Structures are given as structure tokens and as C-alpha cells.
C-alpha atoms as a PDB file:
ATOM      1  CA  MET A   1     114.794  98.860  92.987  1.00  0.00           C
ATOM      2  CA  ALA A   2     117.975 101.450  92.905  1.00  0.00           C
ATOM      3  CA  ASP A   3     120.689  99.190  92.026  1.00  0.00           C
ATOM      4  CA  GLY A   4     118.625  97.054  89.519  1.00  0.00           C
ATOM      5  CA  SER A   5     119.181  93.831  91.317  1.00  0.00           C
ATOM      6  CA  ARG A   6     117.135  90.768  90.839  1.00  0.00           C
ATOM      7  CA  ILE A   7     117.011  87.604  93.428  1.00  0.00           C
ATOM      8  CA  GLN A   8     116.149  84.240  92.345  1.00  0.00           C
ATOM      9  CA  ILE A   9     113.222  82.767  93.464  1.00  0.00           C
ATOM     10  CA  LYS A  10     113.223  80.442  96.465  1.00  0.00           C
ATOM     11  CA  MET A  11     111.067  78.391  98.409  1.00  0.00           C
ATOM     12  CA  ARG A  12     108.783  80.732 100.217  1.00  0.00           C
ATOM     13  CA  LYS A  13     110.263  79.532 103.408  1.00  0.00           C
ATOM     14  CA  CYS A  14     113.519  80.586 102.619  1.00  0.00           C
ATOM     15  CA  LEU A  15     112.694  84.067 101.080  1.00  0.00           C
ATOM     16  CA  SER A  16     112.255  87.457 102.725  1.00  0.00           C
ATOM     17  CA  ARG A  17     111.173  90.840 100.625  1.00  0.00           C
ATOM     18  CA  ASP A  18     111.644  94.548 100.790  1.00  0.00           C
ATOM     19  CA  LEU A  19     111.062  96.892  97.811  1.00  0.00           C
ATOM     20  CA  THR A  20     110.601 100.861  98.044  1.00  0.00           C
ATOM     21  CA  PHE A  21     108.256 102.807  96.168  1.00  0.00           C
ATOM     22  CA  GLY A  22     106.388 105.848  96.186  1.00  0.00           C
ATOM     23  CA  ILE A  23     102.622 106.554  95.371  1.00  0.00           C
ATOM     24  CA  ALA A  24     100.576 109.865  94.543  1.00  0.00           C
ATOM     25  CA  LEU A  25      97.828 110.556  96.538  1.00  0.00           C
ATOM     26  CA  LEU A  26      94.176 110.602  95.714  1.00  0.00           C
ATOM     27  CA  LEU A  27      92.166 113.180  96.874  1.00  0.00           C
ATOM     28  CA  GLY A  28      88.968 111.882  97.408  1.00  0.00           C
ATOM     29  CA  ALA A  29      86.754 115.319  96.558  1.00  0.00           C
ATOM     30  CA  SER A  30      89.216 116.875  93.935  1.00  0.00           C
ATOM     31  CA  ASP A  31      88.984 116.994  90.403  1.00  0.00           C
ATOM     32  CA  VAL A  32      92.563 116.010  90.276  1.00  0.00           C
ATOM     33  CA  GLN A  33      92.931 111.905  89.001  1.00  0.00           C
ATOM     34  CA  ALA A  34      94.731 109.706  91.176  1.00  0.00           C
ATOM     35  CA  GLN A  35      98.275 109.625  89.437  1.00  0.00           C
ATOM     36  CA  SER A  36      99.914 105.637  89.059  1.00  0.00           C
ATOM     37  CA  THR A  37     103.187 105.167  90.534  1.00  0.00           C
ATOM     38  CA  PRO A  38     105.872 103.091  88.362  1.00  0.00           C
ATOM     39  CA  ILE A  39     106.884 100.035  90.367  1.00  0.00           C
ATOM     40  CA  PRO A  40     109.019  97.292  88.870  1.00  0.00           C
ATOM     41  CA  HIS A  41     107.568  95.762  85.546  1.00  0.00           C
ATOM     42  CA  GLY A  42     104.174  97.901  86.413  1.00  0.00           C
ATOM     43  CA  THR A  43     102.369 100.134  88.448  1.00  0.00           C
ATOM     44  CA  LEU A  44     100.554 100.964  91.414  1.00  0.00           C
ATOM     45  CA  GLU A  45      97.544 103.056  91.953  1.00  0.00           C
ATOM     46  CA  LEU A  46      95.864 104.020  95.686  1.00  0.00           C
ATOM     47  CA  MET A  47      92.663 105.009  94.921  1.00  0.00           C
ATOM     48  CA  ALA A  48      89.112 105.164  97.088  1.00  0.00           C
ATOM     49  CA  GLU A  49      85.978 104.435  95.987  1.00  0.00           C
ATOM     50  CA  ASN A  50      83.537 107.031  97.340  1.00  0.00           C
ATOM     51  CA  GLN A  51      84.692 110.757  97.112  1.00  0.00           C
ATOM     52  CA  TRP A  52      84.417 111.430 101.221  1.00  0.00           C
ATOM     53  CA  ILE A  53      84.464 109.912 104.255  1.00  0.00           C
ATOM     54  CA  ALA A  54      80.549 109.924 105.767  1.00  0.00           C
ATOM     55  CA  PRO A  55      80.595 109.460 109.894  1.00  0.00           C
ATOM     56  CA  GLY A  56      78.919 105.862 110.710  1.00  0.00           C
ATOM     57  CA  HIS A  57      79.377 104.494 107.168  1.00  0.00           C
ATOM     58  CA  LYS A  58      81.859 102.081 105.958  1.00  0.00           C
ATOM     59  CA  PHE A  59      84.242 102.727 102.893  1.00  0.00           C
ATOM     60  CA  ASP A  60      86.438 101.021 100.500  1.00  0.00           C
ATOM     61  CA  VAL A  61      89.905 101.715 100.046  1.00  0.00           C
ATOM     62  CA  GLY A  62      92.048  99.648  96.820  1.00  0.00           C
ATOM     63  CA  LEU A  63      95.598  99.062  96.060  1.00  0.00           C
ATOM     64  CA  ARG A  64      95.416  99.023  91.777  1.00  0.00           C
ATOM     65  CA  PHE A  65      98.173  97.000  90.415  1.00  0.00           C
ATOM     66  CA  GLN A  66      99.037  97.100  86.410  1.00  0.00           C
ATOM     67  CA  LEU A  67     101.659  94.861  85.834  1.00  0.00           C
ATOM     68  CA  GLU A  68     103.935  94.059  83.093  1.00  0.00           C
ATOM     69  CA  LYS A  69     103.333  90.459  80.998  1.00  0.00           C
ATOM     70  CA  GLY A  70     105.349  87.832  82.770  1.00  0.00           C
ATOM     71  CA  TRP A  71     104.848  89.165  86.037  1.00  0.00           C
ATOM     72  CA  HIS A  72     102.558  88.626  89.034  1.00  0.00           C
ATOM     73  CA  VAL A  73     101.883  89.409  92.776  1.00  0.00           C
ATOM     74  CA  TYR A  74     100.438  87.133  95.428  1.00  0.00           C
ATOM     75  CA  TRP A  75      97.120  85.454  97.065  1.00  0.00           C
ATOM     76  CA  VAL A  76      96.473  85.091 100.662  1.00  0.00           C
ATOM     77  CA  ASN A  77      98.289  81.395 100.495  1.00  0.00           C
ATOM     78  CA  PRO A  78     101.235  82.473  97.979  1.00  0.00           C
ATOM     79  CA  GLY A  79     101.378  78.736  97.159  1.00  0.00           C
ATOM     80  CA  ASP A  80     105.039  76.653  96.629  1.00  0.00           C
ATOM     81  CA  SER A  81     107.039  80.224  96.632  1.00  0.00           C
ATOM     82  CA  GLY A  82     106.156  84.410  97.226  1.00  0.00           C
ATOM     83  CA  GLU A  83     104.617  86.234 100.251  1.00  0.00           C
ATOM     84  CA  PRO A  84     101.235  88.160  99.738  1.00  0.00           C
ATOM     85  CA  PRO A  85     101.068  91.913 100.297  1.00  0.00           C
ATOM     86  CA  ARG A  86     100.990  92.691 103.715  1.00  0.00           C
ATOM     87  CA  VAL A  87      99.560  95.776 104.990  1.00  0.00           C
ATOM     88  CA  GLU A  88      99.849  97.840 108.130  1.00  0.00           C
ATOM     89  CA  TRP A  89      97.634 100.943 108.829  1.00  0.00           C
ATOM     90  CA  ARG A  90      98.298 104.191 110.987  1.00  0.00           C
ATOM     91  CA  LEU A  91      94.673 105.611 110.801  1.00  0.00           C
ATOM     92  CA  PRO A  92      93.288 108.567 113.147  1.00  0.00           C
ATOM     93  CA  ALA A  93      90.885 107.989 115.830  1.00  0.00           C
ATOM     94  CA  GLY A  94      87.555 106.926 114.631  1.00  0.00           C
ATOM     95  CA  LEU A  95      88.545 104.774 111.772  1.00  0.00           C
ATOM     96  CA  ALA A  96      89.224 101.056 111.943  1.00  0.00           C
ATOM     97  CA  ALA A  97      90.638  98.657 108.589  1.00  0.00           C
ATOM     98  CA  GLY A  98      89.485  95.320 107.901  1.00  0.00           C
ATOM     99  CA  ALA A  99      91.944  92.603 106.116  1.00  0.00           C
ATOM    100  CA  ILE A 100      92.200  92.665 102.295  1.00  0.00           C
ATOM    101  CA  GLU A 101      89.134  91.200 100.582  1.00  0.00           C
ATOM    102  CA  TRP A 102      91.283  88.453  98.000  1.00  0.00           C
ATOM    103  CA  PRO A 103      89.875  88.364  94.552  1.00  0.00           C
ATOM    104  CA  THR A 104      89.680  84.700  93.383  1.00  0.00           C
ATOM    105  CA  PRO A 105      93.342  83.962  92.026  1.00  0.00           C
ATOM    106  CA  ARG A 106      94.558  81.816  89.320  1.00  0.00           C
ATOM    107  CA  ARG A 107      97.409  79.164  89.182  1.00  0.00           C
ATOM    108  CA  LEU A 108     100.779  80.275  88.059  1.00  0.00           C
ATOM    109  CA  GLU A 109     102.838  77.404  87.605  1.00  0.00           C
ATOM    110  CA  SER A 110     106.508  77.181  86.901  1.00  0.00           C
ATOM    111  CA  SER A 111     108.596  74.210  86.080  1.00  0.00           C
ATOM    112  CA  SER A 112     107.762  72.130  88.931  1.00  0.00           C
ATOM    113  CA  ILE A 113     106.045  74.461  91.217  1.00  0.00           C
ATOM    114  CA  VAL A 114     103.266  75.890  91.151  1.00  0.00           C
ATOM    115  CA  ASP A 115     101.808  79.416  92.932  1.00  0.00           C
ATOM    116  CA  TYR A 116      98.387  81.469  93.412  1.00  0.00           C
ATOM    117  CA  GLY A 117      98.042  84.878  92.724  1.00  0.00           C
ATOM    118  CA  TYR A 118      97.251  87.797  89.715  1.00  0.00           C
ATOM    119  CA  GLU A 119      98.993  88.974  86.541  1.00  0.00           C
ATOM    120  CA  ASP A 120      98.073  91.492  84.550  1.00  0.00           C
ATOM    121  CA  ALA A 121      95.531  93.788  86.534  1.00  0.00           C
ATOM    122  CA  VAL A 122      94.500  93.325  90.053  1.00  0.00           C
ATOM    123  CA  LEU A 123      92.599  95.769  92.916  1.00  0.00           C
ATOM    124  CA  LEU A 124      93.033  94.541  96.433  1.00  0.00           C
ATOM    125  CA  ILE A 125      90.105  96.139  98.224  1.00  0.00           C
ATOM    126  CA  MET A 126      90.229  97.100 102.112  1.00  0.00           C
ATOM    127  CA  PRO A 127      87.394  97.994 103.947  1.00  0.00           C
ATOM    128  CA  ILE A 128      87.795 101.153 106.451  1.00  0.00           C
ATOM    129  CA  HIS A 129      85.066 101.586 109.495  1.00  0.00           C
ATOM    130  CA  ALA A 130      84.406 105.314 110.364  1.00  0.00           C
ATOM    131  CA  GLU A 131      82.686 106.228 113.516  1.00  0.00           C
ATOM    132  CA  ALA A 132      79.847 108.823 114.396  1.00  0.00           C
ATOM    133  CA  GLY A 133      82.335 110.597 115.951  1.00  0.00           C
ATOM    134  CA  LEU A 134      84.763 111.395 113.190  1.00  0.00           C
ATOM    135  CA  ALA A 135      82.210 114.283 111.982  1.00  0.00           C
ATOM    136  CA  ALA A 136      84.168 116.798 114.069  1.00  0.00           C
ATOM    137  CA  LEU A 137      87.372 116.150 111.460  1.00  0.00           C
ATOM    138  CA  HIS A 138      87.473 118.281 108.505  1.00  0.00           C
ATOM    139  CA  THR A 139      90.140 115.624 106.624  1.00  0.00           C
ATOM    140  CA  ALA A 140      91.444 112.178 107.444  1.00  0.00           C
ATOM    141  CA  MET A 141      94.442 110.890 106.311  1.00  0.00           C
ATOM    142  CA  LEU A 142      94.918 107.143 105.556  1.00  0.00           C
ATOM    143  CA  SER A 143      98.746 105.808 106.502  1.00  0.00           C
ATOM    144  CA  ALA A 144      99.880 102.484 106.067  1.00  0.00           C
ATOM    145  CA  ASP A 145     103.385 100.310 105.850  1.00  0.00           C
ATOM    146  CA  VAL A 146     103.182  98.024 102.847  1.00  0.00           C
ATOM    147  CA  LYS A 147     105.705  95.140 102.119  1.00  0.00           C
ATOM    148  CA  LEU A 148     105.196  93.207  98.883  1.00  0.00           C
ATOM    149  CA  LEU A 149     106.836  91.065  96.475  1.00  0.00           C
ATOM    150  CA  ILE A 150     106.388  91.140  92.737  1.00  0.00           C
ATOM    151  CA  CYS A 151     107.878  88.054  90.856  1.00  0.00           C
ATOM    152  CA  SER A 152     108.357  86.723  87.028  1.00  0.00           C
ATOM    153  CA  HIS A 153     108.414  82.282  86.630  1.00  0.00           C
ATOM    154  CA  GLU A 154     112.617  83.070  87.110  1.00  0.00           C
ATOM    155  CA  MET A 155     112.996  85.961  89.889  1.00  0.00           C
ATOM    156  CA  CYS A 156     111.248  88.244  92.134  1.00  0.00           C
ATOM    157  CA  ILE A 157     111.915  91.553  93.449  1.00  0.00           C
ATOM    158  CA  PRO A 158     111.088  92.585  97.143  1.00  0.00           C
ATOM    159  CA  GLY A 159     110.181  95.924  98.689  1.00  0.00           C
ATOM    160  CA  LYS A 160     108.064  98.173 101.282  1.00  0.00           C
ATOM    161  CA  ALA A 161     106.366 101.358 101.345  1.00  0.00           C
ATOM    162  CA  GLN A 162     104.791 104.000 103.257  1.00  0.00           C
ATOM    163  CA  LEU A 163     101.926 105.070 101.710  1.00  0.00           C
ATOM    164  CA  SER A 164      98.980 107.930 102.773  1.00  0.00           C
ATOM    165  CA  LEU A 165      95.232 108.881 101.178  1.00  0.00           C
ATOM    166  CA  THR A 166      93.935 112.418 102.332  1.00  0.00           C
ATOM    167  CA  LEU A 167      90.103 112.479 102.335  1.00  0.00           C
ATOM    168  CA  PRO A 168      87.266 115.076 103.389  1.00  0.00           C
ATOM    169  CA  VAL A 169      85.323 114.090 106.219  1.00  0.00           C
ATOM    170  CA  LYS A 170      81.317 114.985 105.352  1.00  0.00           C
ATOM    171  CA  SER A 171      78.270 114.494 106.981  1.00  0.00           C
ATOM    172  CA  GLN A 172      76.609 113.734 104.189  1.00  0.00           C
ATOM    173  CA  PRO A 173      75.755 110.613 102.452  1.00  0.00           C
ATOM    174  CA  PRO A 174      78.666 109.390 100.798  1.00  0.00           C
ATOM    175  CA  VAL A 175      79.136 109.570  97.133  1.00  0.00           C
ATOM    176  CA  PRO A 176      80.700 107.161  94.690  1.00  0.00           C
ATOM    177  CA  ASP A 177      83.697 108.178  92.530  1.00  0.00           C
ATOM    178  CA  ALA A 178      82.756 107.706  88.895  1.00  0.00           C
ATOM    179  CA  ARG A 179      86.259 107.356  87.796  1.00  0.00           C
ATOM    180  CA  ASN A 180      87.411 104.174  90.396  1.00  0.00           C
ATOM    181  CA  GLY A 181      83.436 102.627  90.701  1.00  0.00           C
ATOM    182  CA  ASP A 182      84.376 100.250  87.964  1.00  0.00           C
ATOM    183  CA  TRP A 183      86.877  98.841  89.031  1.00  0.00           C
ATOM    184  CA  PHE A 184      85.689  98.110  92.621  1.00  0.00           C
ATOM    185  CA  ALA A 185      82.629  96.466  90.967  1.00  0.00           C
ATOM    186  CA  ALA A 186      84.503  94.257  88.833  1.00  0.00           C
ATOM    187  CA  THR A 187      86.558  92.970  91.577  1.00  0.00           C
ATOM    188  CA  ARG A 188      83.492  92.132  93.674  1.00  0.00           C
ATOM    189  CA  LYS A 189      82.226  89.903  91.204  1.00  0.00           C
ATOM    190  CA  SER A 190      85.315  88.114  90.953  1.00  0.00           C
ATOM    191  CA  PHE A 191      85.016  87.384  94.960  1.00  0.00           C
ATOM    192  CA  PRO A 192      84.067  83.602  95.967  1.00  0.00           C
ATOM    193  CA  ARG A 193      80.366  83.402  97.164  1.00  0.00           C
ATOM    194  CA  PRO A 194      78.812  81.207  98.996  1.00  0.00           C
ATOM    195  CA  ALA A 195      78.024  77.992  97.084  1.00  0.00           C
ATOM    196  CA  PRO A 196      74.273  76.858  96.124  1.00  0.00           C
ATOM    197  CA  GLY A 197      72.295  75.923  98.963  1.00  0.00           C
ATOM    198  CA  ASN A 198      71.745  72.115  97.422  1.00  0.00           C
ATOM    199  CA  TRP A 199      74.874  71.503  96.835  1.00  0.00           C
ATOM    200  CA  LYS A 200      76.737  68.916  99.871  1.00  0.00           C
ATOM    201  CA  PHE A 201      80.001  68.987 100.457  1.00  0.00           C
ATOM    202  CA  SER A 202      82.196  66.223 102.363  1.00  0.00           C
ATOM    203  CA  VAL A 203      85.587  65.481 102.589  1.00  0.00           C
ATOM    204  CA  ALA A 204      87.494  62.024 102.915  1.00  0.00           C
ATOM    205  CA  ASP A 205      91.046  62.134 104.704  1.00  0.00           C
ATOM    206  CA  THR A 206      93.245  59.375 103.480  1.00  0.00           C
ATOM    207  CA  SER A 207      96.859  58.259 103.958  1.00  0.00           C
ATOM    208  CA  ASP A 208      98.070  60.237 101.114  1.00  0.00           C
ATOM    209  CA  SER A 209      95.083  62.885  99.887  1.00  0.00           C
ATOM    210  CA  PHE A 210      92.114  64.595 100.617  1.00  0.00           C
ATOM    211  CA  THR A 211      88.717  63.839  98.406  1.00  0.00           C
ATOM    212  CA  LEU A 212      86.499  66.865  98.110  1.00  0.00           C
ATOM    213  CA  THR A 213      83.226  65.551  97.076  1.00  0.00           C
ATOM    214  CA  VAL A 214      80.622  67.709  96.115  1.00  0.00           C
ATOM    215  CA  HIS A 215      76.715  66.306  95.124  1.00  0.00           C
ATOM    216  CA  ALA A 216      75.236  69.086  93.500  1.00  0.00           C
ATOM    217  CA  LEU A 217      71.932  69.070  91.710  1.00  0.00           C
ATOM    218  CA  ARG A 218      71.945  70.147  88.232  1.00  0.00           C
ATOM    219  CA  GLN A 219      70.168  73.495  87.281  1.00  0.00           C
ATOM    220  CA  SER A 220      69.547  72.363  83.870  1.00  0.00           C
ATOM    221  CA  ALA A 221      71.043  69.547  81.473  1.00  0.00           C
ATOM    222  CA  ASN A 222      72.948  72.480  79.918  1.00  0.00           C
ATOM    223  CA  ARG A 223      75.357  73.345  82.941  1.00  0.00           C
ATOM    224  CA  GLN A 224      77.216  69.561  83.654  1.00  0.00           C
ATOM    225  CA  ILE A 225      80.261  70.843  85.605  1.00  0.00           C
ATOM    226  CA  THR A 226      83.455  69.601  83.635  1.00  0.00           C
ATOM    227  CA  ARG A 227      85.902  70.959  85.775  1.00  0.00           C
ATOM    228  CA  ALA A 228      86.756  72.095  89.133  1.00  0.00           C
ATOM    229  CA  VAL A 229      89.948  73.696  90.619  1.00  0.00           C
ATOM    230  CA  PHE A 230      90.863  74.024  94.366  1.00  0.00           C
ATOM    231  CA  PHE A 231      93.060  76.297  96.108  1.00  0.00           C
ATOM    232  CA  PRO A 232      93.632  76.166  99.791  1.00  0.00           C
ATOM    233  CA  LEU A 233      93.506  78.650 102.156  1.00  0.00           C
ATOM    234  CA  THR A 234      95.781  77.481 104.297  1.00  0.00           C
ATOM    235  CA  GLU A 235      99.643  76.924 103.038  1.00  0.00           C
ATOM    236  CA  SER A 236     101.159  73.207 103.306  1.00  0.00           C
ATOM    237  CA  GLU A 237      97.980  71.338 103.055  1.00  0.00           C
ATOM    238  CA  ILE A 238      98.363  70.065  99.640  1.00  0.00           C
ATOM    239  CA  GLU A 239     100.874  69.580  97.285  1.00  0.00           C
ATOM    240  CA  ASN A 240     100.421  72.612  94.979  1.00  0.00           C
ATOM    241  CA  ALA A 241     102.043  71.323  91.832  1.00  0.00           C
ATOM    242  CA  ALA A 242     100.557  68.121  91.673  1.00  0.00           C
ATOM    243  CA  PRO A 243      97.092  67.256  89.162  1.00  0.00           C
ATOM    244  CA  GLN A 244      93.896  67.879  91.319  1.00  0.00           C
ATOM    245  CA  LYS A 245      92.180  64.494  89.369  1.00  0.00           C
ATOM    246  CA  PHE A 246      88.464  65.448  88.464  1.00  0.00           C
ATOM    247  CA  GLN A 247      85.810  62.701  88.788  1.00  0.00           C
ATOM    248  CA  SER A 248      81.912  63.575  87.592  1.00  0.00           C
ATOM    249  CA  ASP A 249      78.835  61.586  87.836  1.00  0.00           C
ATOM    250  CA  ALA A 250      75.092  61.965  87.496  1.00  0.00           C
ATOM    251  CA  ALA A 251      75.246  62.762  91.366  1.00  0.00           C
ATOM    252  CA  GLY A 252      77.877  65.590  91.091  1.00  0.00           C
ATOM    253  CA  PHE A 253      82.015  65.400  91.042  1.00  0.00           C
ATOM    254  CA  ARG A 254      84.844  64.467  93.051  1.00  0.00           C
ATOM    255  CA  LEU A 255      88.475  66.111  93.160  1.00  0.00           C
ATOM    256  CA  THR A 256      91.281  64.034  94.726  1.00  0.00           C
ATOM    257  CA  LEU A 257      94.244  66.350  96.393  1.00  0.00           C
ATOM    258  CA  ARG A 258      97.463  65.141  97.353  1.00  0.00           C
ATOM    259  CA  LYS A 259      98.654  65.735 100.478  1.00  0.00           C
ATOM    260  CA  SER A 260     101.694  68.141 100.880  1.00  0.00           C
ATOM    261  CA  ASN A 261     104.645  66.395 102.321  1.00  0.00           C
ATOM    262  CA  GLN A 262     104.934  69.372 104.493  1.00  0.00           C
ATOM    263  CA  LEU A 263     101.614  68.617 105.992  1.00  0.00           C
ATOM    264  CA  LEU A 264     102.836  67.135 109.613  1.00  0.00           C
ATOM    265  CA  LYS A 265      99.438  66.394 111.259  1.00  0.00           C
ATOM    266  CA  PRO A 266      95.827  66.001 110.383  1.00  0.00           C
ATOM    267  CA  ILE A 267      94.102  69.011 109.615  1.00  0.00           C
ATOM    268  CA  GLU A 268      89.941  69.503 110.988  1.00  0.00           C
ATOM    269  CA  ARG A 269      88.766  71.313 107.899  1.00  0.00           C
ATOM    270  CA  LEU A 270      89.553  71.520 104.404  1.00  0.00           C
ATOM    271  CA  ARG A 271      88.818  75.352 103.344  1.00  0.00           C
ATOM    272  CA  GLY A 272      89.703  77.461 100.590  1.00  0.00           C
ATOM    273  CA  VAL A 273      88.200  78.629  96.696  1.00  0.00           C
ATOM    274  CA  LEU A 274      86.734  76.156  94.666  1.00  0.00           C
ATOM    275  CA  VAL A 275      86.638  77.467  90.821  1.00  0.00           C
ATOM    276  CA  VAL A 276      84.150  75.400  88.952  1.00  0.00           C
ATOM    277  CA  SER A 277      83.653  75.699  84.757  1.00  0.00           C
ATOM    278  CA  ALA A 278      80.448  74.373  83.359  1.00  0.00           C
ATOM    279  CA  ASP A 279      79.837  73.197  80.159  1.00  0.00           C
ATOM    280  CA  LYS A 280      78.485  75.518  77.329  1.00  0.00           C
ATOM    281  CA  SER A 281      79.667  78.573  79.696  1.00  0.00           C
ATOM    282  CA  ASP A 282      81.518  81.408  78.875  1.00  0.00           C
ATOM    283  CA  PHE A 283      83.035  81.774  82.662  1.00  0.00           C
ATOM    284  CA  ASP A 284      84.142  80.024  85.287  1.00  0.00           C
ATOM    285  CA  GLN A 285      82.248  80.832  88.943  1.00  0.00           C
ATOM    286  CA  SER A 286      84.360  80.410  92.571  1.00  0.00           C
ATOM    287  CA  TYR A 287      82.852  79.187  95.712  1.00  0.00           C
ATOM    288  CA  LEU A 288      83.720  79.135  99.815  1.00  0.00           C
ATOM    289  CA  VAL A 289      84.837  75.663 101.096  1.00  0.00           C
ATOM    290  CA  ASP A 290      84.730  75.488 104.959  1.00  0.00           C
ATOM    291  CA  VAL A 291      84.312  71.392 105.202  1.00  0.00           C
ATOM    292  CA  PRO A 292      85.142  69.168 107.749  1.00  0.00           C
ATOM    293  CA  CYS A 293      87.901  66.632 107.280  1.00  0.00           C
ATOM    294  CA  SER A 294      86.721  62.816 108.541  1.00  0.00           C
ATOM    295  CA  LYS A 295      87.739  59.152 107.609  1.00  0.00           C
ATOM    296  CA  SER A 296      83.796  58.602 106.531  1.00  0.00           C
ATOM    297  CA  GLY A 297      83.734  61.804 104.757  1.00  0.00           C
ATOM    298  CA  ALA A 298      80.209  62.512 106.406  1.00  0.00           C
ATOM    299  CA  ALA A 299      77.905  65.178 103.964  1.00  0.00           C
ATOM    300  CA  ARG A 300      77.282  68.509 105.289  1.00  0.00           C
ATOM    301  CA  SER A 301      75.038  70.757 103.027  1.00  0.00           C
ATOM    302  CA  SER A 302      75.995  74.071 101.282  1.00  0.00           C
ATOM    303  CA  HIS A 303      73.361  75.731 103.342  1.00  0.00           C
ATOM    304  CA  ASP A 304      75.059  74.745 106.824  1.00  0.00           C
ATOM    305  CA  LEU A 305      78.382  75.784 106.010  1.00  0.00           C
ATOM    306  CA  GLN A 306      77.596  79.384 104.901  1.00  0.00           C
ATOM    307  CA  ILE A 307      77.672  80.912 108.152  1.00  0.00           C
ATOM    308  CA  GLN A 308      81.101  79.410 108.707  1.00  0.00           C
ATOM    309  CA  ALA A 309      82.181  79.984 104.881  1.00  0.00           C
ATOM    310  CA  ALA A 310      81.580  83.649 105.351  1.00  0.00           C
ATOM    311  CA  GLY A 311      83.674  83.754 108.838  1.00  0.00           C
ATOM    312  CA  ILE A 312      86.997  82.703 106.479  1.00  0.00           C
ATOM    313  CA  TYR A 313      87.043  85.023 103.703  1.00  0.00           C
ATOM    314  CA  PRO A 314      88.158  87.474 103.742  1.00  0.00           C
ATOM    315  CA  THR A 315      90.468  85.782 105.866  1.00  0.00           C
ATOM    316  CA  ARG A 316      93.340  86.991 108.409  1.00  0.00           C
ATOM    317  CA  SER A 317      95.003  90.040 108.849  1.00  0.00           C
ATOM    318  CA  LEU A 318      98.431  90.973 107.769  1.00  0.00           C
ATOM    319  CA  THR A 319     101.324  92.014 109.440  1.00  0.00           C
ATOM    320  CA  LEU A 320     104.667  92.699 108.989  1.00  0.00           C
ATOM    321  CA  GLU A 321     106.546  90.505 111.602  1.00  0.00           C
ATOM    322  CA  SER A 322     107.532  87.772 109.602  1.00  0.00           C
ATOM    323  CA  LEU A 323     109.297  89.443 106.748  1.00  0.00           C
ATOM    324  CA  LYS A 324     113.544  90.109 107.514  1.00  0.00           C
ATOM    325  CA  GLU A 325     115.950  92.230 105.594  1.00  0.00           C
ATOM    326  CA  VAL A 326     117.824  90.056 103.127  1.00  0.00           C
ATOM    327  CA  PRO A 327     121.512  91.399 101.227  1.00  0.00           C
ATOM    328  CA  ARG A 328     120.694  92.116  97.900  1.00  0.00           C
ATOM    329  CA  ILE A 329     122.833  90.344  95.258  1.00  0.00           C
END
């Protein structure tokens, strides 16, 4: 940002954001490497998974953030403060963009608040659908208006950008770009997946909390789940900074989530991402959750929920309408 000013973090409802930056273009079939563009406390690169657009095929593009230590961007539900990156596409006829596909976030804890987002490096993937009629074009320019917020635990830098990417259009089957393939593959491994078919879920709605119960048939004695963390898809449902009480037994485990004091009416379903850790395991696994809330907490099988879960992730399309200009101090 030209004037080098900083804006201290406020609660999400009180903060609006803008940041201006430029971006290098990736020409899909050329030998020129895409250039990382400096942004405050990091770099940003626009990349395509394939070398060209093939009419009738879906292809993916992504925004790759490389951030300095201590700085982060946000998930679709940012938590107690912040805003997720927001994108509006301007595309030629025959191309249609889907919503951002969000990798599993991390808890970003600072004093009395907890945010949900990404540190170090992250690729936000967006699918583009190409109609068969696109074959009449030689190239296609993808343009997007982006608003985002880059934050540390003490301050935020807001901004906006106009991005574009020009790719050839060929009637041949798409060919992956080897320079970018590892990023897309690694990011897809971090997407939450449907839970195992033998898991059963229930949510008990009490006066001050939600209790998420998972009946999980253990695959083996060496795969006992020892920790779980829930990331709610919808804002202001749970108290983000409150401890999530984990209890396990022979049948599975329970996770108690304190309700947010901003939750003014009952919710019908608890939706989000559940991250679990097992003993003697070197990694966490994340699963989609979409469970009806009930005073009785009647169980539903994971198999019954998979179609519903697939419909919530990736989630809603994002627009620029909710962001406003604010004076810089």
C-alpha cells in the first residue's frame, strides 16, 4: 500500500477492506514462467492447471499466496475478525466460473479471538466451465475483480485488484502444465472429504452449546481418534475462541461447542469441517459435516449425509457488495 498505513484489527462486523496490487499474467501455452507479484507481506500468483482451454471441458485456475511468517488470509468463514478473499469474474461468452474451493483452514489464535484461515502458502482453486461453442475463439481472457485482507495478529492491510489471465483455446484434450501441477495436487489433498460410511452423526442442541456426537467404528486398534476440531461453515454459530471439549469412548467421540452470544435463533443444521487426529498417525484428516440439530440428537449415518455434504462444499459464491471504502489512518 503506497502510504504504508496499517489498520488495527477490529471485529469483522466493523471492518471494511481494500488493497491495490498488480499481478503477472500466465500465458498458458508459452514457455514464460508466471511471475509472482509482490503484495504486502507476501506475493501472489495467478496460475492455470492446464496449458490451454479445451471446449467442453472444465479447467481450474488458482490464486497462490506466499505469505511472510506471522501473516495470513482468511477462510470462507473468517471467524472473529477478517474477511475471505472475494472474487467477481468477467468472462467471455461460453465460460462460467464456479465458487472458490476452500482447503481445510487452521485456527489462528490471538488474545481473546480465534480466526480461521491460512498462513505461509495457500492455493485457492476456482473451476471454470468451458462450453463447446468456445472452439471458435483463438484465445480467451479471464478477468476478475478481487478484494482481500491480509492480516497479522495485530493489524490488517485491506485491498482490491483487477486480475486477468489469457489462455489459448484448442480443440485438443487439455494438457496439464507441469510447472503448476504439484500445487493443484497438494491443495486437493487438503480438501475435506465425506466421512467414512460407517460413521454416524448427531447434534444435540442445548441452551448454551451444541454437542456433536460421532459414532465411529474403529478401523483398527491403532487408529483411535484422540483429538477433533470443528470449523463452522456459518458465522456466529459457535464461540470461536471457546475450548472445544473432546470426549471419546468405545463407540466414538463427542465434541461440545459453546454457542455464540450472537446466535439469536435456533439453527436447523450444523455444517462445517471436522478435523480429526488419530494416535500413531502423522497427519490430520478433515471431513465434511452437515447434520440436523435436534433436542434428542437422533443419529444419521455418514452414507445418508454424503449427498448433502457434497452440496455445501465448495460453498456460496462471494460478491463485492458487502465491502465499503474506509479512510486510511
